[in-house]
Amino acid sequence: MKKVAVVGCGGSGKSHVARKLGALLGAPVTHLDAAFYDEEWNELPTAEFAELQRNLVAQPAWVIDGNYNSTLRMRLEACDTVVLMDVSTSAALWGIFSRQIRHGAGHRGNGVHNRIHWGVIKYVATYRRKMRPRVMAKIERFAAGHATVVLLTSRRHTRRWLRQVAAEHS
């Protein structure tokens, strides 16, 4: 496990898993929200964002957390492991609200990018029905032949898997 793409719904724990994996594997971690948005929530131009990711996935080791469906293919084609945070809608909604309570709004530099508004709530609430099938199809098409796919369905499952990874890399 040297090149890991962490994907899933907002509030599912992607950034937490990415930070833990980066530490365990000794790999640099990139939170795509931190790359895509500046401090005033301005978006990086599409071509620059894609180029940044091309440079990231060309590195010998990395953990990249984030969805960004428009550029997901390049991460899936380059990774050796996909971690899909596949928690329930209620767990993801709890995740975005509890993160807001714990960290407040704004950027934190550690993958925590809080900005709750109706669009975010709607995205999280409809992710399993609308976006998950698209992500699953891309994983099947662009990663299934060469990458290990890890499906984490709960916070407990995630903790157990991270302990297993820690034991294997200690």
N, C-alpha and C. Protein backbone atom coordinates (compact mmCIF):
# COMPACT_ATOMS: atom_id res chain seq x y z
N MET A 1 0.86 -1.16 0.00
CA MET A 1 0.00 0.00 0.00
C MET A 1 0.91 1.23 0.00
N LYS A 2 1.02 1.86 -1.19
CA LYS A 2 1.87 3.05 -1.32
C LYS A 2 1.12 4.24 -1.90
N LYS A 3 0.09 3.96 -2.71
CA LYS A 3 -0.67 5.02 -3.36
C LYS A 3 -2.14 4.77 -3.07
N VAL A 4 -2.71 5.60 -2.20
CA VAL A 4 -4.05 5.34 -1.68
C VAL A 4 -4.99 6.49 -2.01
N ALA A 5 -6.10 6.16 -2.65
CA ALA A 5 -7.18 7.12 -2.91
C ALA A 5 -8.28 6.86 -1.88
N VAL A 6 -8.61 7.87 -1.09
CA VAL A 6 -9.67 7.75 -0.09
C VAL A 6 -10.85 8.55 -0.59
N VAL A 7 -11.98 7.88 -0.81
CA VAL A 7 -13.17 8.51 -1.36
C VAL A 7 -14.38 8.18 -0.49
N GLY A 8 -15.45 8.94 -0.66
CA GLY A 8 -16.68 8.69 0.07
C GLY A 8 -17.41 9.98 0.33
N CYS A 9 -18.53 9.86 0.95
CA CYS A 9 -19.40 10.99 1.24
C CYS A 9 -18.75 11.98 2.20
N GLY A 10 -19.13 13.23 2.09
CA GLY A 10 -18.72 14.21 3.09
C GLY A 10 -19.18 13.75 4.46
N GLY A 11 -18.34 13.94 5.47
CA GLY A 11 -18.70 13.53 6.82
C GLY A 11 -18.48 12.06 7.12
N SER A 12 -17.94 11.31 6.15
CA SER A 12 -17.76 9.87 6.34
C SER A 12 -16.47 9.52 7.06
N GLY A 13 -15.54 10.46 7.15
CA GLY A 13 -14.28 10.19 7.83
C GLY A 13 -13.08 10.09 6.90
N LYS A 14 -13.20 10.58 5.66
CA LYS A 14 -12.11 10.49 4.69
C LYS A 14 -10.83 11.14 5.19
N SER A 15 -10.94 12.35 5.70
CA SER A 15 -9.74 13.08 6.12
C SER A 15 -9.08 12.42 7.32
N HIS A 16 -9.87 11.92 8.24
CA HIS A 16 -9.33 11.20 9.40
C HIS A 16 -8.55 9.98 8.94
N VAL A 17 -9.15 9.20 8.07
CA VAL A 17 -8.50 7.99 7.57
C VAL A 17 -7.23 8.35 6.79
N ALA A 18 -7.30 9.39 5.99
CA ALA A 18 -6.12 9.80 5.21
C ALA A 18 -4.97 10.19 6.14
N ARG A 19 -5.26 10.97 7.17
CA ARG A 19 -4.21 11.37 8.12
C ARG A 19 -3.59 10.16 8.79
N LYS A 20 -4.43 9.24 9.25
CA LYS A 20 -3.94 8.03 9.93
C LYS A 20 -3.10 7.18 8.98
N LEU A 21 -3.60 6.97 7.76
CA LEU A 21 -2.86 6.17 6.79
C LEU A 21 -1.53 6.82 6.42
N GLY A 22 -1.54 8.12 6.22
CA GLY A 22 -0.30 8.81 5.90
C GLY A 22 0.75 8.59 6.97
N ALA A 23 0.34 8.68 8.23
CA ALA A 23 1.27 8.47 9.34
C ALA A 23 1.75 7.02 9.38
N LEU A 24 0.85 6.08 9.19
CA LEU A 24 1.22 4.67 9.24
C LEU A 24 2.13 4.26 8.08
N LEU A 25 1.88 4.81 6.91
CA LEU A 25 2.61 4.42 5.72
C LEU A 25 3.83 5.30 5.45
N GLY A 26 3.93 6.40 6.18
CA GLY A 26 5.01 7.34 5.90
C GLY A 26 4.85 8.01 4.55
N ALA A 27 3.62 8.24 4.16
CA ALA A 27 3.31 8.82 2.84
C ALA A 27 2.74 10.22 3.01
N PRO A 28 3.03 11.12 2.07
CA PRO A 28 2.43 12.45 2.15
C PRO A 28 0.92 12.38 1.92
N VAL A 29 0.19 13.21 2.63
CA VAL A 29 -1.27 13.25 2.56
C VAL A 29 -1.69 14.55 1.90
N THR A 30 -2.59 14.43 0.93
CA THR A 30 -3.19 15.60 0.30
C THR A 30 -4.69 15.54 0.50
N HIS A 31 -5.24 16.60 1.06
CA HIS A 31 -6.69 16.74 1.21
C HIS A 31 -7.12 17.61 0.04
N LEU A 32 -7.89 17.06 -0.89
CA LEU A 32 -8.24 17.80 -2.09
C LEU A 32 -9.02 19.07 -1.80
N ASP A 33 -9.80 19.09 -0.74
CA ASP A 33 -10.50 20.34 -0.39
C ASP A 33 -9.49 21.46 -0.14
N ALA A 34 -8.37 21.13 0.51
CA ALA A 34 -7.34 22.14 0.79
C ALA A 34 -6.67 22.62 -0.49
N ALA A 35 -6.58 21.74 -1.47
CA ALA A 35 -5.97 22.12 -2.75
C ALA A 35 -6.96 22.89 -3.62
N PHE A 36 -8.23 22.57 -3.52
CA PHE A 36 -9.24 23.14 -4.40
C PHE A 36 -9.72 24.52 -3.95
N TYR A 37 -9.80 24.72 -2.64
CA TYR A 37 -10.32 25.98 -2.10
C TYR A 37 -9.22 26.78 -1.43
N ASP A 38 -9.29 28.11 -1.59
CA ASP A 38 -8.40 28.96 -0.81
C ASP A 38 -9.12 29.38 0.47
N GLU A 39 -8.51 30.25 1.24
CA GLU A 39 -9.08 30.64 2.53
C GLU A 39 -10.44 31.33 2.42
N GLU A 40 -10.74 31.93 1.26
CA GLU A 40 -12.04 32.59 1.05
C GLU A 40 -13.01 31.70 0.28
N TRP A 41 -12.71 30.42 0.18
CA TRP A 41 -13.54 29.44 -0.50
C TRP A 41 -13.60 29.66 -2.01
N ASN A 42 -12.61 30.32 -2.58
CA ASN A 42 -12.51 30.44 -4.04
C ASN A 42 -11.96 29.13 -4.58
N GLU A 43 -12.49 28.72 -5.72
CA GLU A 43 -12.08 27.45 -6.32
C GLU A 43 -10.86 27.62 -7.22
N LEU A 44 -9.98 26.62 -7.20
CA LEU A 44 -8.85 26.58 -8.11
C LEU A 44 -9.41 26.32 -9.51
N PRO A 45 -8.89 26.98 -10.52
CA PRO A 45 -9.37 26.70 -11.88
C PRO A 45 -9.23 25.21 -12.23
N THR A 46 -10.17 24.70 -12.97
CA THR A 46 -10.26 23.27 -13.29
C THR A 46 -8.97 22.71 -13.85
N ALA A 47 -8.37 23.38 -14.82
CA ALA A 47 -7.14 22.87 -15.45
C ALA A 47 -6.00 22.81 -14.43
N GLU A 48 -5.89 23.81 -13.57
CA GLU A 48 -4.84 23.82 -12.55
C GLU A 48 -5.06 22.69 -11.54
N PHE A 49 -6.31 22.46 -11.17
CA PHE A 49 -6.64 21.40 -10.21
C PHE A 49 -6.27 20.04 -10.79
N ALA A 50 -6.59 19.82 -12.06
CA ALA A 50 -6.25 18.55 -12.71
C ALA A 50 -4.73 18.39 -12.80
N GLU A 51 -4.02 19.44 -13.16
CA GLU A 51 -2.56 19.37 -13.27
C GLU A 51 -1.93 19.08 -11.92
N LEU A 52 -2.42 19.71 -10.88
CA LEU A 52 -1.93 19.44 -9.53
C LEU A 52 -2.06 17.95 -9.20
N GLN A 53 -3.20 17.36 -9.53
CA GLN A 53 -3.41 15.95 -9.23
C GLN A 53 -2.54 15.05 -10.10
N ARG A 54 -2.33 15.43 -11.36
CA ARG A 54 -1.42 14.64 -12.20
C ARG A 54 -0.03 14.59 -11.57
N ASN A 55 0.42 15.72 -11.04
CA ASN A 55 1.72 15.77 -10.38
C ASN A 55 1.72 14.94 -9.10
N LEU A 56 0.64 15.00 -8.34
CA LEU A 56 0.55 14.23 -7.09
C LEU A 56 0.60 12.73 -7.35
N VAL A 57 -0.18 12.25 -8.31
CA VAL A 57 -0.25 10.81 -8.53
C VAL A 57 1.00 10.26 -9.21
N ALA A 58 1.85 11.13 -9.74
CA ALA A 58 3.11 10.70 -10.34
C ALA A 58 4.17 10.41 -9.27
N GLN A 59 3.92 10.80 -8.03
CA GLN A 59 4.87 10.59 -6.94
C GLN A 59 4.89 9.11 -6.55
N PRO A 60 5.98 8.64 -5.92
CA PRO A 60 6.10 7.21 -5.58
C PRO A 60 5.18 6.75 -4.45
N ALA A 61 4.73 7.68 -3.59
CA ALA A 61 3.83 7.31 -2.49
C ALA A 61 2.94 8.50 -2.18
N TRP A 62 1.68 8.22 -1.85
CA TRP A 62 0.74 9.28 -1.50
C TRP A 62 -0.54 8.71 -0.92
N VAL A 63 -1.21 9.56 -0.18
CA VAL A 63 -2.59 9.32 0.26
C VAL A 63 -3.35 10.58 -0.13
N ILE A 64 -4.37 10.42 -0.95
CA ILE A 64 -5.17 11.56 -1.40
C ILE A 64 -6.61 11.34 -0.98
N ASP A 65 -7.14 12.32 -0.26
CA ASP A 65 -8.51 12.22 0.23
C ASP A 65 -9.38 13.24 -0.48
N GLY A 66 -10.49 12.76 -1.01
CA GLY A 66 -11.46 13.64 -1.65
C GLY A 66 -12.16 12.94 -2.80
N ASN A 67 -13.29 13.46 -3.15
CA ASN A 67 -14.08 12.87 -4.23
C ASN A 67 -13.75 13.51 -5.57
N TYR A 68 -14.28 14.70 -5.82
CA TYR A 68 -14.04 15.42 -7.06
C TYR A 68 -14.15 14.46 -8.25
N ASN A 69 -15.38 14.10 -8.54
CA ASN A 69 -15.70 13.11 -9.56
C ASN A 69 -15.04 13.42 -10.91
N SER A 70 -14.89 14.70 -11.23
CA SER A 70 -14.32 15.07 -12.53
C SER A 70 -12.87 14.63 -12.68
N THR A 71 -12.14 14.45 -11.57
CA THR A 71 -10.74 14.03 -11.64
C THR A 71 -10.50 12.69 -10.94
N LEU A 72 -11.56 12.02 -10.54
CA LEU A 72 -11.43 10.75 -9.83
C LEU A 72 -10.71 9.70 -10.66
N ARG A 73 -10.96 9.67 -11.95
CA ARG A 73 -10.37 8.65 -12.81
C ARG A 73 -8.84 8.63 -12.69
N MET A 74 -8.19 9.80 -12.71
CA MET A 74 -6.72 9.80 -12.68
C MET A 74 -6.18 9.23 -11.37
N ARG A 75 -6.88 9.47 -10.25
CA ARG A 75 -6.44 8.90 -8.98
C ARG A 75 -6.67 7.40 -8.95
N LEU A 76 -7.81 6.97 -9.48
CA LEU A 76 -8.11 5.54 -9.49
C LEU A 76 -7.16 4.76 -10.39
N GLU A 77 -6.80 5.32 -11.52
CA GLU A 77 -5.87 4.64 -12.42
C GLU A 77 -4.47 4.54 -11.83
N ALA A 78 -4.09 5.49 -10.98
CA ALA A 78 -2.73 5.53 -10.44
C ALA A 78 -2.57 4.84 -9.08
N CYS A 79 -3.65 4.60 -8.39
CA CYS A 79 -3.54 4.07 -7.02
C CYS A 79 -3.31 2.57 -6.99
N ASP A 80 -2.82 2.09 -5.85
CA ASP A 80 -2.77 0.64 -5.62
C ASP A 80 -3.84 0.22 -4.61
N THR A 81 -4.45 1.22 -3.93
CA THR A 81 -5.50 0.94 -2.95
C THR A 81 -6.55 2.04 -3.02
N VAL A 82 -7.81 1.63 -3.01
CA VAL A 82 -8.92 2.57 -2.90
C VAL A 82 -9.61 2.28 -1.57
N VAL A 83 -9.76 3.30 -0.76
CA VAL A 83 -10.53 3.17 0.47
C VAL A 83 -11.83 3.94 0.26
N LEU A 84 -12.93 3.21 0.23
CA LEU A 84 -14.24 3.82 0.07
C LEU A 84 -14.92 3.88 1.42
N MET A 85 -15.12 5.10 1.90
CA MET A 85 -15.82 5.33 3.15
C MET A 85 -17.31 5.26 2.84
N ASP A 86 -17.92 4.14 3.15
CA ASP A 86 -19.28 3.84 2.73
C ASP A 86 -20.23 3.79 3.93
N VAL A 87 -20.21 4.84 4.72
CA VAL A 87 -21.04 4.88 5.92
C VAL A 87 -22.48 5.25 5.55
N SER A 88 -23.38 5.03 6.48
CA SER A 88 -24.79 5.36 6.26
C SER A 88 -24.97 6.87 6.12
N THR A 89 -26.10 7.25 5.55
CA THR A 89 -26.42 8.68 5.41
C THR A 89 -26.48 9.35 6.77
N SER A 90 -27.10 8.69 7.74
CA SER A 90 -27.19 9.31 9.08
C SER A 90 -25.81 9.49 9.70
N ALA A 91 -24.91 8.53 9.51
CA ALA A 91 -23.54 8.66 10.04
C ALA A 91 -22.80 9.80 9.36
N ALA A 92 -22.99 9.96 8.05
CA ALA A 92 -22.32 11.05 7.33
C ALA A 92 -22.88 12.40 7.75
N LEU A 93 -24.19 12.51 7.90
CA LEU A 93 -24.78 13.76 8.37
C LEU A 93 -24.28 14.09 9.78
N TRP A 94 -24.24 13.08 10.65
CA TRP A 94 -23.69 13.30 11.98
C TRP A 94 -22.24 13.76 11.86
N GLY A 95 -21.50 13.18 10.93
CA GLY A 95 -20.10 13.54 10.73
C GLY A 95 -19.90 15.01 10.38
N ILE A 96 -20.72 15.54 9.47
CA ILE A 96 -20.53 16.94 9.09
C ILE A 96 -20.92 17.89 10.23
N PHE A 97 -21.98 17.54 10.95
CA PHE A 97 -22.41 18.41 12.04
C PHE A 97 -21.47 18.30 13.25
N SER A 98 -21.04 17.10 13.58
CA SER A 98 -20.14 16.96 14.73
C SER A 98 -18.78 17.58 14.44
N ARG A 99 -18.32 17.51 13.19
CA ARG A 99 -17.06 18.17 12.81
C ARG A 99 -17.19 19.68 12.99
N GLN A 100 -18.32 20.22 12.60
CA GLN A 100 -18.56 21.67 12.75
C GLN A 100 -18.52 22.05 14.24
N ILE A 101 -19.12 21.23 15.07
CA ILE A 101 -19.12 21.50 16.51
C ILE A 101 -17.70 21.40 17.07
N ARG A 102 -16.96 20.37 16.69
CA ARG A 102 -15.60 20.16 17.20
C ARG A 102 -14.61 21.19 16.72
N HIS A 103 -14.69 21.56 15.44
CA HIS A 103 -13.65 22.38 14.84
C HIS A 103 -14.08 23.78 14.45
N GLY A 104 -15.37 24.05 14.41
CA GLY A 104 -15.84 25.35 13.94
C GLY A 104 -15.77 25.43 12.42
N ALA A 105 -16.12 26.57 11.89
CA ALA A 105 -16.15 26.76 10.44
C ALA A 105 -14.78 27.16 9.93
N GLY A 106 -14.56 26.91 8.65
CA GLY A 106 -13.34 27.37 7.99
C GLY A 106 -12.35 26.26 7.73
N HIS A 107 -11.11 26.66 7.41
CA HIS A 107 -10.04 25.75 7.05
C HIS A 107 -9.16 25.50 8.27
N ARG A 108 -8.71 24.29 8.43
CA ARG A 108 -7.86 23.96 9.58
C ARG A 108 -6.49 23.43 9.16
N GLY A 109 -6.26 23.20 7.88
CA GLY A 109 -4.96 22.74 7.42
C GLY A 109 -4.70 21.26 7.62
N ASN A 110 -5.62 20.54 8.21
CA ASN A 110 -5.43 19.11 8.45
C ASN A 110 -6.53 18.30 7.77
N GLY A 111 -7.09 18.86 6.72
CA GLY A 111 -8.16 18.18 6.01
C GLY A 111 -9.54 18.58 6.50
N VAL A 112 -9.60 19.40 7.53
CA VAL A 112 -10.88 19.83 8.06
C VAL A 112 -11.27 21.12 7.35
N HIS A 113 -12.29 21.04 6.54
CA HIS A 113 -12.80 22.19 5.81
C HIS A 113 -14.31 22.24 6.02
N ASN A 114 -14.72 23.08 6.94
CA ASN A 114 -16.12 23.14 7.33
C ASN A 114 -16.82 24.33 6.71
N ARG A 115 -17.86 24.00 6.03
CA ARG A 115 -18.74 25.04 5.49
C ARG A 115 -20.08 24.37 5.25
N ILE A 116 -20.91 24.40 6.27
CA ILE A 116 -22.21 23.76 6.15
C ILE A 116 -23.21 24.77 5.62
N HIS A 117 -23.83 24.41 4.52
CA HIS A 117 -24.94 25.17 3.96
C HIS A 117 -25.88 24.15 3.33
N TRP A 118 -27.01 24.62 2.84
CA TRP A 118 -28.02 23.71 2.32
C TRP A 118 -27.46 22.79 1.24
N GLY A 119 -26.60 23.29 0.36
CA GLY A 119 -26.02 22.46 -0.71
C GLY A 119 -25.20 21.30 -0.16
N VAL A 120 -24.44 21.54 0.91
CA VAL A 120 -23.64 20.47 1.53
C VAL A 120 -24.56 19.44 2.17
N ILE A 121 -25.56 19.91 2.89
CA ILE A 121 -26.50 18.99 3.54
C ILE A 121 -27.22 18.14 2.50
N LYS A 122 -27.66 18.76 1.42
CA LYS A 122 -28.36 18.03 0.36
C LYS A 122 -27.43 17.01 -0.29
N TYR A 123 -26.18 17.40 -0.56
CA TYR A 123 -25.20 16.48 -1.16
C TYR A 123 -25.00 15.25 -0.27
N VAL A 124 -24.80 15.48 1.04
CA VAL A 124 -24.58 14.37 1.96
C VAL A 124 -25.85 13.51 2.07
N ALA A 125 -27.01 14.16 2.15
CA ALA A 125 -28.27 13.43 2.30
C ALA A 125 -28.61 12.57 1.09
N THR A 126 -28.15 12.97 -0.09
CA THR A 126 -28.49 12.23 -1.32
C THR A 126 -27.31 11.44 -1.89
N TYR A 127 -26.15 11.47 -1.22
CA TYR A 127 -24.94 10.84 -1.74
C TYR A 127 -25.14 9.36 -2.08
N ARG A 128 -25.69 8.59 -1.16
CA ARG A 128 -25.82 7.13 -1.38
C ARG A 128 -26.70 6.84 -2.60
N ARG A 129 -27.69 7.66 -2.83
CA ARG A 129 -28.61 7.43 -3.95
C ARG A 129 -28.06 7.98 -5.26
N LYS A 130 -27.43 9.15 -5.23
CA LYS A 130 -27.02 9.82 -6.46
C LYS A 130 -25.55 9.62 -6.82
N MET A 131 -24.65 9.90 -5.89
CA MET A 131 -23.24 9.91 -6.22
C MET A 131 -22.57 8.55 -6.03
N ARG A 132 -22.95 7.82 -5.00
CA ARG A 132 -22.31 6.53 -4.73
C ARG A 132 -22.32 5.59 -5.93
N PRO A 133 -23.44 5.46 -6.66
CA PRO A 133 -23.40 4.57 -7.83
C PRO A 133 -22.38 5.02 -8.88
N ARG A 134 -22.20 6.32 -9.04
CA ARG A 134 -21.22 6.84 -10.01
C ARG A 134 -19.80 6.53 -9.54
N VAL A 135 -19.55 6.72 -8.24
CA VAL A 135 -18.22 6.43 -7.69
C VAL A 135 -17.93 4.94 -7.80
N MET A 136 -18.90 4.11 -7.45
CA MET A 136 -18.72 2.66 -7.54
C MET A 136 -18.41 2.23 -8.98
N ALA A 137 -19.12 2.81 -9.94
CA ALA A 137 -18.88 2.47 -11.34
C ALA A 137 -17.46 2.87 -11.76
N LYS A 138 -17.01 4.02 -11.31
CA LYS A 138 -15.65 4.44 -11.66
C LYS A 138 -14.61 3.55 -10.99
N ILE A 139 -14.84 3.17 -9.76
CA ILE A 139 -13.92 2.25 -9.09
C ILE A 139 -13.84 0.94 -9.88
N GLU A 140 -14.98 0.42 -10.25
CA GLU A 140 -15.02 -0.84 -11.02
C GLU A 140 -14.30 -0.68 -12.35
N ARG A 141 -14.51 0.42 -12.99
CA ARG A 141 -13.94 0.62 -14.34
C ARG A 141 -12.45 0.96 -14.32
N PHE A 142 -12.00 1.78 -13.36
CA PHE A 142 -10.64 2.32 -13.42
C PHE A 142 -9.69 1.80 -12.35
N ALA A 143 -10.18 1.04 -11.36
CA ALA A 143 -9.28 0.58 -10.31
C ALA A 143 -9.37 -0.91 -10.02
N ALA A 144 -10.48 -1.52 -10.31
CA ALA A 144 -10.72 -2.90 -9.86
C ALA A 144 -9.69 -3.89 -10.38
N GLY A 145 -9.12 -3.68 -11.53
CA GLY A 145 -8.17 -4.64 -12.08
C GLY A 145 -6.79 -4.59 -11.45
N HIS A 146 -6.41 -3.49 -10.84
CA HIS A 146 -5.04 -3.36 -10.34
C HIS A 146 -4.96 -2.90 -8.88
N ALA A 147 -6.04 -2.45 -8.31
CA ALA A 147 -5.99 -1.89 -6.95
C ALA A 147 -6.84 -2.72 -5.99
N THR A 148 -6.39 -2.77 -4.75
CA THR A 148 -7.19 -3.35 -3.69
C THR A 148 -8.26 -2.33 -3.31
N VAL A 149 -9.51 -2.79 -3.21
CA VAL A 149 -10.60 -1.91 -2.84
C VAL A 149 -11.05 -2.28 -1.43
N VAL A 150 -10.98 -1.31 -0.54
CA VAL A 150 -11.37 -1.50 0.86
C VAL A 150 -12.65 -0.72 1.07
N LEU A 151 -13.69 -1.41 1.50
CA LEU A 151 -15.00 -0.80 1.74
C LEU A 151 -15.21 -0.72 3.25
N LEU A 152 -15.25 0.49 3.78
CA LEU A 152 -15.44 0.68 5.22
C LEU A 152 -16.84 1.23 5.47
N THR A 153 -17.64 0.46 6.19
CA THR A 153 -19.07 0.75 6.28
C THR A 153 -19.52 1.40 7.59
N SER A 154 -18.60 1.56 8.53
CA SER A 154 -18.96 2.20 9.80
C SER A 154 -17.70 2.73 10.46
N ARG A 155 -17.87 3.56 11.46
CA ARG A 155 -16.72 4.09 12.20
C ARG A 155 -16.00 2.95 12.92
N ARG A 156 -16.76 2.00 13.47
CA ARG A 156 -16.16 0.84 14.15
C ARG A 156 -15.35 0.01 13.16
N HIS A 157 -15.90 -0.25 12.00
CA HIS A 157 -15.19 -1.00 10.96
C HIS A 157 -13.91 -0.26 10.57
N THR A 158 -13.98 1.06 10.48
CA THR A 158 -12.82 1.88 10.12
C THR A 158 -11.73 1.77 11.18
N ARG A 159 -12.11 1.89 12.45
CA ARG A 159 -11.12 1.77 13.54
C ARG A 159 -10.44 0.40 13.51
N ARG A 160 -11.24 -0.64 13.31
CA ARG A 160 -10.70 -2.01 13.26
C ARG A 160 -9.72 -2.16 12.10
N TRP A 161 -10.08 -1.64 10.93
CA TRP A 161 -9.21 -1.74 9.75
C TRP A 161 -7.91 -0.95 9.96
N LEU A 162 -8.00 0.25 10.53
CA LEU A 162 -6.80 1.04 10.81
C LEU A 162 -5.88 0.32 11.80
N ARG A 163 -6.44 -0.35 12.80
CA ARG A 163 -5.61 -1.14 13.73
C ARG A 163 -4.90 -2.27 12.99
N GLN A 164 -5.59 -2.90 12.05
CA GLN A 164 -5.01 -3.97 11.26
C GLN A 164 -3.86 -3.43 10.40
N VAL A 165 -4.07 -2.29 9.76
CA VAL A 165 -3.01 -1.68 8.95
C VAL A 165 -1.83 -1.32 9.83
N ALA A 166 -2.09 -0.77 11.02
CA ALA A 166 -1.00 -0.41 11.94
C ALA A 166 -0.19 -1.64 12.32
N ALA A 167 -0.88 -2.74 12.60
CA ALA A 167 -0.17 -3.98 12.97
C ALA A 167 0.68 -4.50 11.81
N GLU A 168 0.19 -4.38 10.60
CA GLU A 168 0.93 -4.85 9.43
C GLU A 168 2.14 -3.97 9.11
N HIS A 169 2.10 -2.71 9.52
CA HIS A 169 3.17 -1.76 9.19
C HIS A 169 4.01 -1.37 10.39
N SER A 170 3.93 -2.15 11.47
CA SER A 170 4.75 -1.80 12.65
C SER A 170 6.03 -2.59 12.69
